[in-house]
Protein backbone atom coordinates (compact mmCIF):
# COMPACT_ATOMS: atom_id res chain seq x y z
CA MET A 1 -21.08 21.57 -45.08
CA ASN A 2 -18.79 21.34 -42.51
CA PRO A 3 -20.49 19.29 -39.16
CA PHE A 4 -18.09 20.69 -36.70
CA LEU A 5 -19.15 24.25 -37.00
CA PHE A 6 -22.49 22.67 -36.16
CA LEU A 7 -21.19 20.86 -33.07
CA ARG A 8 -19.15 24.41 -32.15
CA GLY A 9 -22.71 26.27 -32.45
CA GLU A 10 -24.03 23.19 -30.10
CA PHE A 11 -21.38 23.07 -27.87
CA ARG A 12 -21.93 26.64 -26.87
CA ARG A 13 -25.71 26.31 -26.63
CA SER A 14 -26.00 23.41 -24.13
CA TRP A 15 -21.86 23.43 -22.89
CA GLY A 16 -23.41 23.06 -18.86
CA GLY A 17 -25.38 20.26 -20.12
CA ALA A 18 -22.70 18.98 -22.42
CA LEU A 19 -20.03 19.60 -18.83
CA ALA A 20 -22.52 17.71 -16.61
CA LEU A 21 -22.94 14.82 -18.78
CA ALA A 22 -18.41 14.71 -19.01
CA LEU A 23 -18.10 14.90 -15.24
CA VAL A 24 -21.00 12.56 -14.81
CA LEU A 25 -19.11 9.87 -17.05
CA ALA A 26 -15.58 10.82 -15.45
CA PHE A 27 -16.56 9.78 -11.73
CA ALA A 28 -18.07 6.94 -12.85
CA GLY A 29 -15.43 5.82 -15.07
CA SER A 30 -12.37 6.86 -12.42
CA LEU A 31 -13.56 4.29 -10.16
CA SER A 32 -11.87 1.01 -12.11
CA PRO A 33 -8.31 2.92 -13.08
CA ALA A 34 -8.27 3.71 -9.48
CA VAL A 35 -8.78 0.67 -8.10
CA SER A 36 -6.16 -1.06 -10.75
CA MET A 37 -3.68 1.36 -10.09
CA LEU A 38 -3.80 0.96 -6.18
CA GLU A 39 -3.85 -1.99 -6.03
CA ARG A 40 -0.82 -3.11 -8.16
CA SER A 41 0.53 -0.20 -6.10
CA ILE A 42 -0.31 -1.84 -3.08
CA ARG A 43 1.31 -5.25 -4.09
CA SER A 44 4.49 -4.04 -5.19
CA GLY A 45 4.66 -2.04 -1.79
CA MET A 46 4.51 -5.45 0.28
CA ALA A 47 6.39 -7.14 -1.60
CA GLN A 48 9.60 -4.45 -1.57
CA SER A 49 8.86 -4.36 2.67
CA ALA A 50 9.30 -8.10 2.48
CA ASP A 51 12.58 -8.62 1.08
CA ALA A 52 14.58 -8.58 3.87
CA PHE A 53 12.75 -11.29 5.55
CA ASP A 54 13.35 -14.31 3.71
CA LEU A 55 12.21 -17.08 6.17
CA LEU A 56 10.87 -16.37 9.51
CA VAL A 57 10.40 -18.25 12.69
CA GLY A 58 8.02 -17.86 15.08
CA ALA A 59 5.58 -19.83 17.61
CA LYS A 60 3.28 -21.94 16.66
CA GLY A 61 0.21 -19.72 15.28
CA SER A 62 -1.43 -17.87 12.91
CA SER A 63 1.56 -17.39 10.14
CA VAL A 64 -0.35 -14.05 8.45
CA ASP A 65 -0.05 -12.42 11.98
CA LEU A 66 3.66 -13.21 12.05
CA VAL A 67 4.14 -11.37 8.80
CA LEU A 68 2.40 -8.39 9.62
CA GLY A 69 3.57 -8.49 12.96
CA ALA A 70 7.39 -8.80 12.02
CA VAL A 71 7.62 -7.59 8.66
CA TYR A 72 4.99 -4.63 9.11
CA LEU A 73 5.60 -3.75 12.34
CA ARG A 74 1.26 -4.19 12.94
CA PRO A 75 0.09 -4.74 16.71
CA GLU A 76 0.07 -8.57 16.56
CA ALA A 77 0.15 -10.93 19.45
CA LEU A 78 2.98 -13.07 18.53
CA SER A 79 3.76 -15.45 21.50
CA LEU A 80 7.42 -15.85 22.96
CA LEU A 81 9.23 -18.29 21.34
CA PRO A 82 11.00 -21.61 23.50
CA PHE A 83 14.28 -20.69 24.90
CA GLY A 84 17.28 -21.60 22.70
CA THR A 85 15.41 -20.90 19.90
CA LEU A 86 17.94 -18.56 18.40
CA GLU A 87 21.27 -20.76 18.86
CA GLU A 88 19.02 -23.85 17.51
CA VAL A 89 18.55 -21.75 14.52
CA LYS A 90 22.09 -20.97 14.12
CA ALA A 91 23.26 -24.61 14.44
CA HIS A 92 21.65 -25.65 11.66
CA GLY A 93 23.87 -24.66 9.33
CA GLY A 94 23.24 -22.92 6.06
CA VAL A 95 22.72 -19.20 7.84
CA ARG A 96 24.22 -16.58 6.50
CA TRP A 97 22.75 -14.79 9.32
CA ALA A 98 19.68 -14.69 12.25
CA ALA A 99 18.68 -11.74 14.49
CA PRO A 100 15.84 -12.22 16.89
CA LEU A 101 13.12 -9.74 17.19
CA ALA A 102 11.34 -8.79 19.92
CA PHE A 103 8.05 -6.11 20.43
CA GLY A 104 5.63 -4.62 23.22
CA ASP A 105 6.53 -1.16 23.51
CA ARG A 106 7.06 2.30 21.53
CA TRP A 107 8.25 5.96 21.95
CA ARG A 108 5.18 8.18 20.98
CA GLU A 109 3.48 6.17 17.75
CA TYR A 110 6.73 4.60 16.87
CA PRO A 111 7.52 1.14 17.30
CA LEU A 112 10.34 -0.26 19.20
CA ALA A 113 11.73 -3.31 18.18
CA GLY A 114 14.70 -5.68 20.00
CA THR A 115 17.10 -7.36 18.31
CA SER A 116 20.85 -7.20 17.22
CA SER A 117 23.18 -5.79 15.01
CA GLU A 118 22.63 -8.30 12.12
CA LEU A 119 18.92 -7.32 11.23
CA VAL A 120 19.71 -3.07 11.46
CA THR A 121 22.53 -3.56 8.62
CA LEU A 122 21.79 -6.94 6.91
CA GLY A 123 24.49 -8.93 7.81
CA GLY A 124 26.87 -5.86 7.01
CA LYS A 125 25.31 -5.21 3.17
CA ARG A 126 22.88 -2.03 4.20
CA PRO A 127 25.52 0.60 6.25
CA LEU A 128 23.63 2.72 8.34
CA ALA A 129 23.03 6.90 7.08
CA SER A 130 24.22 8.23 9.48
CA GLY A 131 26.09 7.48 13.12
CA ARG A 132 27.01 4.45 14.73
CA MET A 133 25.12 1.17 15.46
CA PHE A 134 24.31 0.48 18.71
CA LEU A 135 26.76 -0.68 21.46
CA ASN A 136 25.16 -0.72 24.48
CA ALA A 137 21.74 -1.73 26.27
CA ASP A 138 21.21 2.73 26.63
CA GLU A 139 21.79 3.31 22.86
CA ALA A 140 20.01 3.26 20.00
CA VAL A 141 19.19 3.08 15.92
CA VAL A 142 16.48 4.79 15.13
CA GLY A 143 14.73 4.39 11.22
CA ALA A 144 15.02 7.47 8.20
CA GLY A 145 10.72 8.92 9.51
CA VAL A 146 11.70 9.16 13.52
CA PRO A 147 11.62 12.59 14.62
CA LEU A 148 15.08 11.98 16.80
CA LYS A 149 18.60 13.40 16.07
CA GLU A 150 21.71 11.34 17.09
CA GLY A 151 22.46 12.08 20.73
CA ASP A 152 18.77 12.85 21.35
CA SER A 153 17.90 10.61 24.75
CA PHE A 154 13.97 9.85 25.25
CA ALA A 155 12.05 7.19 27.68
CA PRO A 156 9.96 4.57 25.68
CA SER A 157 6.00 3.55 26.86
CA HIS A 158 4.51 0.34 27.43
CA GLY A 159 1.50 -0.73 25.45
CA SER A 160 -0.44 0.73 22.64
CA VAL A 161 -0.61 4.17 20.41
CA ALA A 162 -3.28 5.07 22.76
CA GLU A 163 -1.59 4.84 26.11
CA ALA A 164 1.83 5.92 24.38
CA ALA A 165 0.05 9.29 23.99
CA LEU A 166 -1.32 9.46 27.54
CA ASP A 167 2.26 9.02 28.49
CA GLU A 168 3.53 12.11 26.53
CA GLY A 169 0.91 13.91 28.44
CA GLY A 170 2.50 14.08 31.30
CA LEU A 171 0.63 10.94 33.17
CA GLY A 172 3.91 9.20 32.93
CA ALA A 173 2.19 6.17 34.71
CA ARG A 174 3.45 3.56 32.18
CA THR A 175 6.46 5.21 30.89
CA HIS A 176 9.74 3.15 31.40
CA ASP A 177 12.88 4.16 34.02
CA HIS A 178 14.86 2.87 31.43
CA SER A 179 16.31 5.66 28.90
CA PHE A 180 17.63 5.34 25.23
CA ARG A 181 20.41 7.31 23.70
CA VAL A 182 19.90 7.70 19.28
CA VAL A 183 23.86 6.60 18.06
CA GLY A 184 22.70 6.10 14.50
CA ARG A 185 19.73 6.41 11.32
CA MET A 186 18.95 3.67 9.51
CA PRO A 187 18.55 4.58 5.25
CA ALA A 188 15.36 5.05 3.63
CA THR A 189 13.74 2.07 2.94
CA GLY A 190 10.27 2.89 1.91
CA THR A 191 8.82 -0.29 4.35
CA PRO A 192 7.53 0.05 8.06
CA TRP A 193 11.08 -0.16 9.77
CA ASP A 194 11.37 3.66 8.55
CA ARG A 195 8.90 4.17 11.20
CA ALA A 196 10.75 1.92 14.02
CA VAL A 197 13.40 2.56 17.14
CA VAL A 198 15.74 -0.20 17.05
CA VAL A 199 17.72 -1.02 20.36
CA PRO A 200 19.09 -4.11 21.94
CA ILE A 201 17.08 -7.08 22.07
CA GLU A 202 19.32 -7.37 26.17
CA ALA A 203 18.00 -4.19 26.82
CA LEU A 204 14.11 -5.03 26.04
CA TRP A 205 14.76 -8.03 28.38
CA ASN A 206 16.23 -5.90 31.04
CA MET A 207 13.29 -3.44 31.46
CA HIS A 208 10.82 -6.03 31.56
CA GLY A 209 12.74 -8.56 34.17
CA ALA A 210 13.82 -11.06 31.52
CA GLY A 211 17.10 -10.41 32.57
CA THR A 212 20.28 -10.62 30.35
CA GLY A 213 20.90 -13.77 28.00
CA SER A 214 17.10 -14.98 28.36
CA GLY A 215 17.17 -16.27 24.36
CA ARG A 216 13.54 -15.27 24.46
CA CYS A 217 12.03 -13.20 21.52
CA SER A 218 8.86 -13.35 19.09
CA VAL A 219 10.81 -13.79 16.20
CA VAL A 220 14.08 -15.23 14.23
CA VAL A 221 14.66 -13.70 10.86
CA VAL A 222 16.96 -16.08 9.23
CA LYS A 223 19.00 -15.05 5.67
CA PRO A 224 19.55 -18.45 4.39
CA VAL A 225 22.77 -19.11 2.54
CA THR A 226 21.14 -20.47 -0.19
CA VAL A 227 17.71 -21.41 -1.71
CA ALA A 228 18.06 -25.81 -0.71
CA ASP A 229 18.96 -24.52 2.55
CA ALA A 230 15.84 -21.87 2.71
CA TYR A 231 13.59 -25.00 2.42
CA ARG A 232 15.76 -27.52 4.28
CA LEU A 233 16.00 -24.67 7.65
CA ARG A 234 11.61 -24.36 7.45
CA SER A 235 11.25 -28.14 7.33
CA ALA A 236 13.91 -28.10 10.00
CA LEU A 237 12.14 -25.95 12.24
CA ASN A 238 8.59 -26.74 11.46
CA GLY A 239 8.30 -28.30 14.90
CA SER A 240 5.86 -28.82 17.54
CA GLN A 241 6.00 -25.54 19.34
CA THR A 242 7.23 -23.92 16.69
CA GLN A 243 7.23 -22.79 12.94
CA ALA A 244 8.81 -21.53 9.68
CA VAL A 245 7.17 -19.48 7.25
CA PHE A 246 8.53 -17.74 3.58
CA THR A 247 7.60 -14.66 3.50
CA GLY A 248 6.62 -15.04 0.21
CA GLU A 249 4.52 -17.52 0.59
CA VAL A 250 1.88 -15.91 3.09
CA LEU A 251 2.00 -12.62 0.56
CA THR A 252 1.03 -14.59 -2.12
CA ARG A 253 -1.71 -15.89 -0.11
CA LEU A 254 -2.81 -12.30 0.69
CA PHE A 255 -2.47 -11.70 -2.64
CA GLY A 256 -4.98 -13.83 -4.03
CA THR A 257 -7.33 -12.63 -1.44
CA MET A 258 -7.01 -9.40 -2.15
CA GLU A 259 -7.44 -10.04 -5.94
CA GLN A 260 -10.88 -11.90 -4.93
CA MET A 261 -12.18 -8.09 -3.71
CA HIS A 262 -10.17 -7.03 -6.81
CA ASP A 263 -12.19 -8.67 -8.78
CA VAL A 264 -15.75 -8.02 -6.62
CA MET A 265 -14.76 -4.12 -6.51
CA MET A 266 -14.04 -4.31 -10.78
CA LEU A 267 -17.52 -5.66 -11.19
CA LEU A 268 -19.13 -2.98 -9.12
CA THR A 269 -16.92 -0.24 -10.71
CA SER A 270 -17.54 -1.78 -14.11
CA GLY A 271 -21.66 -1.77 -13.38
CA ALA A 272 -21.33 1.82 -12.34
CA GLN A 273 -19.58 3.25 -15.80
CA ALA A 274 -22.23 1.23 -17.70
CA ALA A 275 -25.10 2.93 -15.58
CA ALA A 276 -22.98 6.45 -16.49
CA LEU A 277 -22.61 5.40 -20.53
CA ALA A 278 -26.25 4.81 -20.62
CA ALA A 279 -27.49 7.87 -18.65
CA ALA A 280 -25.22 9.96 -21.31
CA LEU A 281 -27.18 8.35 -23.98
CA VAL A 282 -30.21 8.77 -22.78
CA SER A 283 -29.54 12.29 -22.22
CA GLY A 284 -28.18 11.91 -25.87
CA PHE A 285 -31.02 10.75 -27.08
CA PHE A 286 -33.30 13.79 -24.90
CA ALA A 287 -30.43 16.42 -26.54
CA VAL A 288 -31.48 15.10 -29.78
CA ALA A 289 -34.98 15.15 -29.63
CA MET A 290 -35.02 19.02 -28.49
CA ARG A 291 -33.45 19.69 -31.64
CA VAL A 292 -35.89 18.42 -34.49
CA ARG A 293 -36.61 22.07 -35.48
CA ALA A 294 -32.84 23.00 -36.09
CA LEU A 295 -32.32 19.88 -37.21
CA ALA A 296 -35.65 20.02 -39.63
CA LEU A 297 -34.49 23.00 -40.40
CA LEU A 298 -31.01 21.90 -41.70
CA ARG A 299 -32.38 19.21 -43.66
CA ALA A 300 -34.45 21.75 -45.50
CA LEU A 301 -31.62 24.47 -46.10
CA GLY A 302 -29.81 21.48 -47.90
CA ALA A 303 -27.59 19.67 -45.31
CA SER A 304 -28.31 15.97 -46.23
CA HIS A 305 -29.12 13.24 -43.52
CA GLY A 306 -25.34 11.31 -43.29
CA PHE A 307 -24.41 15.31 -41.97
CA LEU A 308 -27.14 15.15 -39.58
CA ALA A 309 -26.44 11.68 -38.37
CA VAL A 310 -22.66 12.47 -38.55
CA SER A 311 -22.81 15.63 -36.97
CA VAL A 312 -25.35 13.94 -33.54
CA TRP A 313 -22.79 11.36 -32.99
CA LEU A 314 -19.92 13.23 -33.13
CA MET A 315 -21.32 15.65 -30.49
CA VAL A 316 -22.81 12.31 -28.69
CA SER A 317 -18.87 10.67 -29.03
CA GLY A 318 -17.25 13.88 -28.01
CA ILE A 319 -18.69 14.03 -24.65
CA MET A 320 -17.75 10.06 -24.36
CA PHE A 321 -14.43 10.82 -24.98
CA ALA A 322 -13.92 13.64 -22.78
CA GLY A 323 -15.77 11.50 -19.95
CA CYS A 324 -13.34 8.76 -20.29
CA ALA A 325 -10.20 11.03 -20.33
CA LEU A 326 -11.27 13.03 -17.60
CA GLY A 327 -12.03 9.58 -15.69
CA LEU A 328 -8.35 8.31 -16.65
CA GLY A 329 -7.01 11.61 -14.84
CA LEU A 330 -9.07 11.70 -11.87
CA GLY A 331 -8.46 8.35 -10.84
CA CYS A 332 -4.48 8.83 -11.12
CA LEU A 333 -5.63 11.56 -8.79
CA MET A 334 -7.91 9.11 -5.99
CA ALA A 335 -5.69 6.59 -6.16
CA SER A 336 -2.83 8.88 -5.77
CA ALA A 337 -4.27 10.32 -2.83
CA ALA A 338 -5.21 6.97 -1.30
CA SER A 339 -1.89 5.45 -1.56
CA ALA A 340 -0.21 9.15 0.36
CA TRP A 341 -2.74 7.91 3.31
CA ILE A 342 -2.03 4.39 3.62
CA GLN A 343 1.59 5.06 3.57
CA THR A 344 1.64 7.58 5.87
CA GLU A 345 -0.77 4.66 8.33
CA THR A 346 1.65 1.92 7.59
CA GLY A 347 4.72 3.17 6.16
CA VAL A 348 5.13 0.85 2.96
CA ALA A 349 5.73 3.42 0.35
CA LEU A 350 3.15 3.06 -2.88
CA ALA A 351 4.06 4.32 -6.05
CA VAL A 352 1.28 5.06 -8.66
CA THR A 353 1.94 4.46 -11.90
CA LEU A 354 -0.46 4.47 -14.97
CA SER A 355 0.02 0.96 -17.38
CA ALA A 356 -1.82 0.57 -20.63
CA LYS A 357 -3.84 -1.44 -18.47
CA GLU A 358 -5.60 1.29 -17.37
CA CYS A 359 -5.64 3.60 -21.04
CA LEU A 360 -6.74 0.56 -22.80
CA MET A 361 -9.70 0.39 -20.00
CA ALA A 362 -11.00 3.96 -20.86
CA LEU A 363 -10.24 3.51 -24.48
CA ALA A 364 -12.83 0.50 -24.56
CA ALA A 365 -15.34 2.41 -22.10
CA ALA A 366 -15.29 5.33 -24.87
CA GLY A 367 -15.44 2.96 -27.93
CA CYS A 368 -18.41 0.93 -25.97
CA GLY A 369 -19.75 4.38 -25.79
CA CYS A 370 -18.97 5.74 -29.42
CA VAL A 371 -20.26 2.25 -30.59
CA ALA A 372 -24.06 3.10 -28.66
CA ALA A 373 -24.10 6.15 -29.94
CA PHE A 374 -24.94 5.07 -33.30
């Protein structure tokens, strides 16, 4: 006798229950691959965004806030560096280029960053996608994701996104009198700087009454010549009023915290998946119990114990495999949707990829279900 003919009849008779069990398994099994893929894409995206920021010099305080503010353009309260810090950094030697950074203003929801041409072009190694570099205090270069064209003029606003939105609504109370004209556009980088409006730092000094040449900035981005120079500069620039940090070291600490959260999430999702597998097995047990008369009739017609055992095992295992396969696909969709939302909110490009790890996780869950089905 062919057990697959028996299975076809059973699934035709009770396809609704089988589909419901497979969907329960799919939803429970989608969480683990979704968490795993999203965590990996966040690590990769954050590391890629920090590639251009080898060494950061800032005022004494939180190194995490320094990295989040300079690299990811988060609205952190960064203190100003002492006068002459930029010149002091350049005087140490072993510096390929050093660029100041200052923040605080926005155009709509796009942050305004005051700096020099070295940071925009990475010391001349990254050409603009179009246009030219700013030369005067009323010119700006925009990121690839900013909806301004070359030749457009705009006036920045003070404060937060909400306050900038009020200014766009016509209140105008917090809009600067100073206006800028877009003269160039940076290439797409897949980083938060795609959403930045970059202007000469001298323009920010003038707008806030600091005067040209004040030298005040929140961060100095340093590109050392060699790795040895990087460590020497970090040691020399860590003083009573300043701190010098490697972005990689700060990200490593952040990733360590993220890994702890990842472990907790994986533990919770594994528990949910185990509960779903148990529910499927219990449902399979009751489904078989309801088929006792049909199985007894098959036995009376000559079906062997082995045929009945294989038929029942194939029925339950088929549901297990279908649920785990659907869960893997659903996990990919969930991770992609979450990464798209994160990219919209932060500007960090996240590439979700399915690896052998997630496939092995799904196979392991299906294998455990098949073993338990015996």
